[in-house]
Amino acid sequence: MKILIIWAESVNRYTGGSSHFWGLMRGIKSIGWGVRAIAPRYGRAEVTRHEDVSFFPLPPRSIISFTLLQILTVLCLPYWLVKHRPEVVYVRACFLAFLIYPICRLTGVLLIAEVDAIVEEEIRMRGQRRILAHTLRFFNKLNYRWVDGMVCVTSGIREELIRRGANPKTTIVIHNAAETSIMYPMNQKDARRQFGLDEHVYIVGFAGTFSSWQGLDLLIQAAKQVLEHSDRPVQFVLVGDGQCHQELQEMVDKLQLGRFVSFLAPVPFEQVAAFNNACDVIVIPIHDRRKLRYGISPLKFWDAVSVGVPVLVPEGSQLEDVLEHLRLPGTFRAGDTEDLAEEILQVLSNTEHHQARRKDVHKIVSEQYSWTRVAEKLAEHCRRVGMRTK
């Protein structure tokens, strides 16, 4: 089988959708499928050269260039189909998929759409233009009906898409996954030396974007309570950058936590593996109910569990079954500072136990939550959808 991926997002950042894209590409190739991909290049941004990826040149990133990308995707699709001869077209963030569908239908190519969020709600949460949210909601109501199949990253998203008109028989859940060949256990002291971190303290970590919806304010508030009750010194290390960086720094200063909270610049994906290994626990402190409404499946979660590090997630994340399967803690009540602090302390008190299990946890993740496993599930979904359309 041959699959053409049209990924209408940048694939040259250190984390997020970029990690998803490259992981999926490697996973599909690992199961023996042929794969080609098309992704945008905004302005003069540097891109990762790859023989299986073509970059679509666009003006610098803006709402205009993104709109242009959506239109050109529809117009160029016939050429891409002739050039690459795929049997499946897999799209993400293509908001005119309902216009792509007739072209695929006429040429006998399956159209599968991936959905990792309810987009108009994400836009409102980030404070972007309401008219954009309303426009995308209208387009997506058409997209949910006019595709051959859909892949959702959480069961909550799947339920919402079905409520909005998606076909329940061709809409499935496939979680995100871990790049297990990169995210694997290593010596913790060696990992800490790479970042210049103290080898004799507990480290509570976070790696990602410093956005308001990430809930990092809750983590910093919990830090004070953790420091007061821990039996050993604790260092909180936040890797990344974003619009809330200054606000978080001011909060740290106000709470007089400067010696205990460190901010590090974003690092390449491979170094995130070392950072995760350096930590005793990773925290995903999201507490915005709008973000948790349909569950979450962040790449940072899968990266951390792949190296065997305990990850704390809010209740409602829909990741509880994964943590239970891996026999890792745990969850905290979303927005509850005291509960988060207690959960962090509980994990830290069992650090030696969790350290001893890291290789075992990595083995389970490699077998059941890798991008190869995602590709296998996607391939099976394509086969089933293909049988329905014949």
Protein backbone atom coordinates (compact mmCIF):
# COMPACT_ATOMS: atom_id res chain seq x y z
CA MET A 1 0.00 0.00 0.00
CA LYS A 2 1.03 3.60 -0.64
CA ILE A 3 -0.10 6.51 1.49
CA LEU A 4 0.15 10.24 0.83
CA ILE A 5 0.21 12.39 3.98
CA ILE A 6 -0.88 16.01 3.63
CA TRP A 7 0.10 17.74 6.87
CA ALA A 8 -1.09 21.33 6.97
CA GLU A 9 1.06 22.25 9.98
CA SER A 10 4.72 23.11 10.39
CA VAL A 11 6.82 19.98 10.95
CA ASN A 12 10.06 21.69 11.98
CA ARG A 13 9.52 22.47 15.63
CA TYR A 14 11.07 20.50 18.47
CA THR A 15 7.85 19.07 19.89
CA GLY A 16 4.09 18.78 19.36
CA GLY A 17 2.75 18.10 15.89
CA SER A 18 6.26 17.88 14.44
CA SER A 19 7.14 14.89 16.65
CA HIS A 20 3.80 13.35 15.71
CA PHE A 21 4.48 13.79 12.00
CA TRP A 22 7.98 12.31 11.99
CA GLY A 23 6.97 9.48 14.31
CA LEU A 24 4.04 8.56 12.08
CA MET A 25 6.25 8.66 8.99
CA ARG A 26 8.75 6.25 10.56
CA GLY A 27 5.97 4.03 11.86
CA ILE A 28 4.34 3.69 8.44
CA LYS A 29 7.66 2.85 6.80
CA SER A 30 8.38 0.25 9.49
CA ILE A 31 5.31 -1.78 8.48
CA GLY A 32 6.38 -1.86 4.84
CA TRP A 33 4.02 0.74 3.40
CA GLY A 34 5.22 3.29 0.88
CA VAL A 35 4.78 6.83 2.18
CA ARG A 36 5.14 10.32 0.77
CA ALA A 37 4.31 13.51 2.62
CA ILE A 38 3.60 17.14 1.81
CA ALA A 39 3.98 19.85 4.45
CA PRO A 40 4.13 23.65 4.43
CA ARG A 41 7.25 25.78 4.55
CA TYR A 42 6.47 29.28 5.74
CA GLY A 43 8.71 32.08 4.53
CA ARG A 44 12.40 31.23 4.82
CA ALA A 45 12.01 28.84 7.71
CA GLU A 46 14.58 26.07 7.81
CA VAL A 47 13.20 22.62 7.03
CA THR A 48 14.41 19.10 7.62
CA ARG A 49 15.38 17.63 4.27
CA HIS A 50 13.94 14.17 3.73
CA GLU A 51 13.59 12.11 0.58
CA ASP A 52 9.95 11.25 1.35
CA VAL A 53 8.80 14.78 2.26
CA SER A 54 8.05 17.65 -0.12
CA PHE A 55 7.69 21.15 1.30
CA PHE A 56 5.10 23.54 -0.06
CA PRO A 57 6.56 27.10 -0.19
CA LEU A 58 4.33 29.78 1.31
CA PRO A 59 4.58 33.38 2.52
CA PRO A 60 5.57 33.97 6.18
CA ARG A 61 3.17 32.43 8.70
CA SER A 62 -0.13 34.30 8.98
CA ILE A 63 -3.85 33.65 8.66
CA ILE A 64 -3.56 34.64 4.99
CA SER A 65 -0.78 32.15 4.23
CA PHE A 66 -2.64 29.41 6.11
CA THR A 67 -5.79 30.13 4.10
CA LEU A 68 -3.73 30.06 0.92
CA LEU A 69 -2.38 26.65 1.95
CA GLN A 70 -5.89 25.28 2.37
CA ILE A 71 -6.97 26.46 -1.09
CA LEU A 72 -3.80 25.31 -2.86
CA THR A 73 -4.08 21.88 -1.22
CA VAL A 74 -7.38 21.34 -3.03
CA LEU A 75 -6.11 22.72 -6.32
CA CYS A 76 -2.85 20.73 -6.28
CA LEU A 77 -4.34 17.45 -5.13
CA PRO A 78 -5.00 16.05 -8.66
CA TYR A 79 -1.34 16.63 -9.54
CA TRP A 80 -0.14 14.96 -6.32
CA LEU A 81 -2.40 11.97 -6.95
CA VAL A 82 -1.01 11.50 -10.45
CA LYS A 83 2.58 12.01 -9.31
CA HIS A 84 2.57 9.78 -6.20
CA ARG A 85 -0.17 7.24 -7.08
CA PRO A 86 -1.33 6.68 -3.47
CA GLU A 87 -4.10 4.33 -2.40
CA VAL A 88 -4.74 6.39 0.74
CA VAL A 89 -4.61 10.13 1.38
CA TYR A 90 -4.16 10.98 5.07
CA VAL A 91 -4.80 14.61 6.05
CA ARG A 92 -4.31 16.66 9.18
CA ALA A 93 -5.49 20.24 9.65
CA CYS A 94 -6.90 20.31 6.11
CA PHE A 95 -10.09 22.27 6.69
CA LEU A 96 -11.33 21.85 3.14
CA ALA A 97 -11.28 18.04 3.27
CA PHE A 98 -14.90 17.99 2.09
CA LEU A 99 -13.63 19.44 -1.23
CA ILE A 100 -10.79 16.91 -1.37
CA TYR A 101 -13.21 14.02 -0.89
CA PRO A 102 -14.89 14.15 -4.37
CA ILE A 103 -11.47 14.16 -6.05
CA CYS A 104 -10.36 11.13 -4.05
CA ARG A 105 -13.68 9.41 -4.69
CA LEU A 106 -13.38 9.86 -8.46
CA THR A 107 -9.86 8.41 -8.47
CA GLY A 108 -10.62 5.50 -6.13
CA VAL A 109 -8.36 6.79 -3.33
CA LEU A 110 -9.38 6.55 0.32
CA LEU A 111 -9.46 9.81 2.30
CA ILE A 112 -8.66 9.47 6.02
CA ALA A 113 -8.64 12.56 8.26
CA GLU A 114 -6.88 12.85 11.59
CA VAL A 115 -8.41 14.98 14.36
CA ASP A 116 -6.39 15.83 17.46
CA ALA A 117 -8.62 18.61 18.83
CA ILE A 118 -11.98 20.32 18.49
CA VAL A 119 -10.38 23.17 16.62
CA GLU A 120 -12.83 26.01 17.09
CA GLU A 121 -12.80 25.45 20.86
CA GLU A 122 -8.99 25.48 20.85
CA ILE A 123 -9.06 28.77 18.94
CA ARG A 124 -11.43 30.38 21.45
CA MET A 125 -9.34 29.06 24.35
CA ARG A 126 -6.22 30.66 22.87
CA GLY A 127 -8.04 33.99 22.49
CA GLN A 128 -7.96 34.04 18.69
CA ARG A 129 -10.60 35.55 16.40
CA ARG A 130 -14.16 34.32 16.91
CA ILE A 131 -15.02 34.59 13.25
CA LEU A 132 -12.21 32.14 12.49
CA ALA A 133 -13.65 29.72 15.07
CA HIS A 134 -17.15 29.97 13.57
CA THR A 135 -15.82 29.48 10.03
CA LEU A 136 -13.83 26.38 10.95
CA ARG A 137 -16.75 24.93 12.87
CA PHE A 138 -18.89 25.21 9.73
CA PHE A 139 -16.21 23.64 7.52
CA ASN A 140 -15.60 20.82 10.00
CA LYS A 141 -19.28 19.91 10.10
CA LEU A 142 -18.88 19.15 6.41
CA ASN A 143 -15.52 17.45 6.88
CA TYR A 144 -16.87 15.08 9.50
CA ARG A 145 -19.39 13.77 6.97
CA TRP A 146 -17.41 13.88 3.73
CA VAL A 147 -14.40 11.65 4.34
CA ASP A 148 -14.01 7.88 4.14
CA GLY A 149 -12.70 7.52 7.67
CA MET A 150 -11.44 9.46 10.67
CA VAL A 151 -8.77 8.92 13.32
CA CYS A 152 -9.13 10.66 16.69
CA VAL A 153 -6.43 10.82 19.37
CA THR A 154 -8.88 10.49 22.30
CA SER A 155 -12.21 8.78 22.84
CA GLY A 156 -13.70 12.10 23.94
CA ILE A 157 -12.93 13.65 20.56
CA ARG A 158 -14.42 10.63 18.81
CA GLU A 159 -17.66 10.93 20.78
CA GLU A 160 -17.93 14.63 19.99
CA LEU A 161 -17.29 14.09 16.27
CA ILE A 162 -19.98 11.43 16.13
CA ARG A 163 -22.36 13.82 17.90
CA ARG A 164 -21.58 16.34 15.16
CA GLY A 165 -22.26 13.92 12.33
CA ALA A 166 -19.21 11.68 11.85
CA ASN A 167 -19.87 8.06 10.93
CA PRO A 168 -19.37 5.93 14.10
CA LYS A 169 -18.47 2.90 11.98
CA THR A 170 -15.50 4.60 10.34
CA THR A 171 -14.35 6.88 13.17
CA ILE A 172 -11.82 5.30 15.51
CA VAL A 173 -9.42 6.21 18.32
CA ILE A 174 -5.66 5.85 17.94
CA HIS A 175 -3.66 7.54 20.69
CA ASN A 176 -0.45 9.40 20.00
CA ALA A 177 2.70 7.38 20.67
CA ALA A 178 6.33 7.39 21.69
CA GLU A 179 9.46 7.45 19.55
CA THR A 180 10.83 4.48 21.48
CA SER A 181 14.11 4.31 19.54
CA ILE A 182 14.98 7.75 20.94
CA MET A 183 12.98 7.85 24.16
CA TYR A 184 14.61 5.07 26.17
CA PRO A 185 16.08 4.79 29.70
CA MET A 186 19.62 5.99 30.31
CA ASN A 187 21.78 6.63 33.37
CA GLN A 188 20.16 9.43 35.34
CA LYS A 189 23.44 10.97 36.48
CA ASP A 190 24.71 11.14 32.90
CA ALA A 191 21.44 12.75 31.83
CA ARG A 192 21.70 15.37 34.56
CA ARG A 193 25.26 16.22 33.65
CA GLN A 194 24.09 17.09 30.13
CA PHE A 195 21.92 19.85 31.60
CA GLY A 196 24.17 20.82 34.48
CA LEU A 197 21.60 19.62 37.02
CA ASP A 198 22.32 18.59 40.60
CA GLU A 199 22.76 14.82 40.92
CA HIS A 200 21.64 14.69 44.57
CA VAL A 201 18.17 16.27 44.51
CA TYR A 202 14.73 15.24 43.34
CA ILE A 203 13.84 16.81 40.00
CA VAL A 204 10.29 17.59 38.94
CA GLY A 205 10.16 18.39 35.24
CA PHE A 206 8.10 19.83 32.41
CA ALA A 207 9.09 20.19 28.74
CA GLY A 208 6.79 22.01 26.33
CA THR A 209 5.28 25.35 25.42
CA PHE A 210 4.72 27.93 28.15
CA SER A 211 1.12 28.67 27.19
CA SER A 212 -1.67 29.66 29.57
CA TRP A 213 -3.63 26.46 28.96
CA GLN A 214 -0.64 24.29 30.02
CA GLY A 215 -1.42 25.09 33.68
CA LEU A 216 2.15 25.83 34.73
CA ASP A 217 0.85 28.36 37.26
CA LEU A 218 -0.59 25.40 39.20
CA LEU A 219 2.76 23.60 39.16
CA ILE A 220 4.61 26.63 40.53
CA GLN A 221 1.99 27.11 43.25
CA ALA A 222 2.33 23.44 44.20
CA ALA A 223 6.11 23.75 44.26
CA LYS A 224 6.06 25.75 47.51
CA GLN A 225 4.12 23.03 49.31
CA VAL A 226 6.34 20.27 47.92
CA LEU A 227 9.47 22.07 49.10
CA GLU A 228 8.05 22.48 52.59
CA HIS A 229 7.28 18.77 53.03
CA SER A 230 9.90 16.86 51.03
CA ASP A 231 12.52 14.78 52.86
CA ARG A 232 15.15 15.82 50.28
CA PRO A 233 15.85 18.99 48.30
CA VAL A 234 13.65 19.34 45.20
CA GLN A 235 14.39 21.22 41.98
CA PHE A 236 11.63 22.17 39.53
CA VAL A 237 12.94 22.43 35.97
CA LEU A 238 10.83 23.81 33.11
CA VAL A 239 12.19 23.40 29.57
CA GLY A 240 10.65 25.49 26.80
CA ASP A 241 9.43 28.98 26.02
CA GLY A 242 6.24 30.80 25.19
CA GLN A 243 3.96 33.73 25.85
CA CYS A 244 3.65 33.02 29.58
CA HIS A 245 7.37 32.83 30.32
CA GLN A 246 7.60 36.30 31.87
CA GLU A 247 4.43 35.79 33.86
CA LEU A 248 5.74 32.51 35.27
CA GLN A 249 9.08 34.10 36.16
CA GLU A 250 7.26 36.85 38.04
CA MET A 251 5.25 34.24 39.95
CA VAL A 252 8.44 32.42 40.90
CA ASP A 253 9.97 35.67 42.17
CA LYS A 254 6.84 36.58 44.12
CA LEU A 255 6.80 33.21 45.88
CA GLN A 256 10.56 33.44 46.48
CA LEU A 257 11.22 30.17 44.66
CA GLY A 258 14.10 31.42 42.53
CA ARG A 259 16.61 28.89 43.94
CA PHE A 260 14.24 25.98 43.36
CA VAL A 261 12.66 26.69 39.95
CA SER A 262 14.80 26.77 36.80
CA PHE A 263 13.81 27.74 33.26
CA LEU A 264 15.79 26.16 30.41
CA ALA A 265 15.57 27.03 26.72
CA PRO A 266 13.85 24.63 24.28
CA VAL A 267 16.04 21.72 23.20
CA PRO A 268 16.00 19.40 20.17
CA PHE A 269 13.84 16.30 20.36
CA GLU A 270 16.78 13.97 21.06
CA GLN A 271 17.76 16.04 24.11
CA VAL A 272 14.22 15.84 25.48
CA ALA A 273 14.96 12.15 25.99
CA ALA A 274 17.93 13.03 28.20
CA PHE A 275 15.86 15.60 30.09
CA ASN A 276 13.10 13.09 30.81
CA ASN A 277 15.73 10.67 32.10
CA ALA A 278 17.10 13.39 34.36
CA CYS A 279 13.74 13.81 36.10
CA ASP A 280 12.16 11.81 38.91
CA VAL A 281 8.66 12.81 37.83
CA ILE A 282 7.15 14.72 34.89
CA VAL A 283 4.05 16.82 35.48
CA ILE A 284 1.42 17.77 32.93
CA PRO A 285 -0.46 20.33 35.04
CA ILE A 286 -3.30 21.25 32.64
CA HIS A 287 -6.37 22.40 34.56
CA ASP A 288 -8.38 24.35 31.99
CA ARG A 289 -11.67 22.46 31.78
CA ARG A 290 -12.04 23.40 28.13
CA LYS A 291 -8.77 21.64 27.35
CA LEU A 292 -9.75 18.56 29.36
CA ARG A 293 -13.29 18.32 28.04
CA TYR A 294 -12.43 15.71 25.40
CA GLY A 295 -9.33 14.20 27.00
CA ILE A 296 -5.71 14.79 26.06
CA SER A 297 -2.93 12.76 24.43
CA PRO A 298 0.12 15.04 24.55
CA LEU A 299 3.40 13.90 23.03
CA LYS A 300 5.21 14.90 26.23
CA PHE A 301 3.23 12.22 28.08
CA TRP A 302 4.27 9.46 25.68
CA ASP A 303 7.89 10.64 25.59
CA ALA A 304 8.12 10.53 29.38
CA VAL A 305 6.50 7.14 29.93
CA SER A 306 8.70 5.71 27.18
CA VAL A 307 11.78 6.34 29.33
CA GLY A 308 9.90 4.90 32.30
CA VAL A 309 9.48 8.15 34.22
CA PRO A 310 6.28 8.60 36.27
CA VAL A 311 3.96 11.20 34.74
CA LEU A 312 1.25 13.02 36.68
CA VAL A 313 -1.80 14.02 34.62
CA PRO A 314 -5.09 15.68 35.60
CA GLU A 315 -8.24 13.69 36.14
CA GLY A 316 -10.25 13.72 32.93
CA SER A 317 -7.20 13.30 30.71
CA GLN A 318 -8.46 9.85 29.58
CA LEU A 319 -4.95 8.48 30.08
CA GLU A 320 -5.71 6.67 33.31
CA ASP A 321 -5.99 3.27 31.61
CA VAL A 322 -2.53 3.69 30.06
CA LEU A 323 -0.97 4.56 33.42
CA GLU A 324 -2.72 1.62 35.05
CA HIS A 325 -1.43 -0.71 32.36
CA LEU A 326 2.12 0.59 32.86
CA ARG A 327 1.68 0.48 36.65
CA LEU A 328 2.72 4.11 36.95
CA PRO A 329 1.20 6.92 39.00
CA GLY A 330 -0.98 8.82 38.61
CA THR A 331 -3.62 11.52 38.50
CA PHE A 332 -4.44 14.64 40.49
CA ARG A 333 -7.60 16.68 40.78
CA ALA A 334 -7.48 19.29 38.04
CA GLY A 335 -6.79 22.74 39.47
CA ASP A 336 -6.18 21.44 43.03
CA THR A 337 -2.78 22.71 44.21
CA GLU A 338 -2.74 20.65 47.41
CA ASP A 339 -3.65 17.42 45.64
CA LEU A 340 -0.97 17.98 43.00
CA ALA A 341 1.63 18.64 45.70
CA GLU A 342 0.62 15.49 47.57
CA GLU A 343 0.84 13.38 44.41
CA ILE A 344 4.29 14.76 43.60
CA LEU A 345 5.48 13.97 47.13
CA GLN A 346 4.04 10.45 46.90
CA VAL A 347 5.91 9.76 43.66
CA LEU A 348 9.17 11.20 44.99
CA SER A 349 8.96 9.02 48.09
CA ASN A 350 9.01 5.95 45.79
CA THR A 351 11.76 7.15 43.46
CA GLU A 352 13.98 4.08 43.86
CA HIS A 353 11.08 1.76 42.98
CA HIS A 354 10.23 3.75 39.84
CA GLN A 355 13.89 3.94 38.85
CA ALA A 356 14.16 0.15 39.05
CA ARG A 357 11.17 -0.30 36.71
CA ARG A 358 12.21 2.09 33.93
CA LYS A 359 13.45 -0.60 31.53
CA ASP A 360 10.36 -2.74 32.11
CA VAL A 361 8.06 0.19 31.41
CA HIS A 362 10.00 1.07 28.25
CA LYS A 363 9.58 -2.51 27.03
CA ILE A 364 5.79 -2.33 27.41
CA VAL A 365 5.64 1.05 25.66
CA SER A 366 7.81 -0.26 22.81
CA GLU A 367 5.51 -3.24 22.30
CA GLN A 368 2.14 -1.50 22.60
CA TYR A 369 2.46 2.29 22.33
CA SER A 370 5.08 2.89 19.62
CA TRP A 371 4.55 4.63 16.29
CA THR A 372 4.87 1.24 14.63
CA ARG A 373 1.84 0.10 16.62
CA VAL A 374 0.00 3.28 15.57
CA ALA A 375 0.83 2.54 11.93
CA GLU A 376 -0.45 -1.03 12.27
CA LYS A 377 -3.76 0.25 13.67
CA LEU A 378 -3.99 2.84 10.89
CA ALA A 379 -3.32 0.18 8.25
CA GLU A 380 -6.05 -2.05 9.66
CA HIS A 381 -8.46 0.91 9.74
CA CYS A 382 -7.70 1.67 6.07
CA ARG A 383 -8.35 -1.94 5.12
CA ARG A 384 -11.71 -1.96 6.90
CA VAL A 385 -12.78 1.38 5.43
CA GLY A 386 -11.66 0.21 2.00
CA MET A 387 -13.86 -2.86 2.26
CA ARG A 388 -16.85 -0.67 3.17
CA THR A 389 -16.37 1.61 0.15
CA LYS A 390 -16.18 -1.20 -2.43
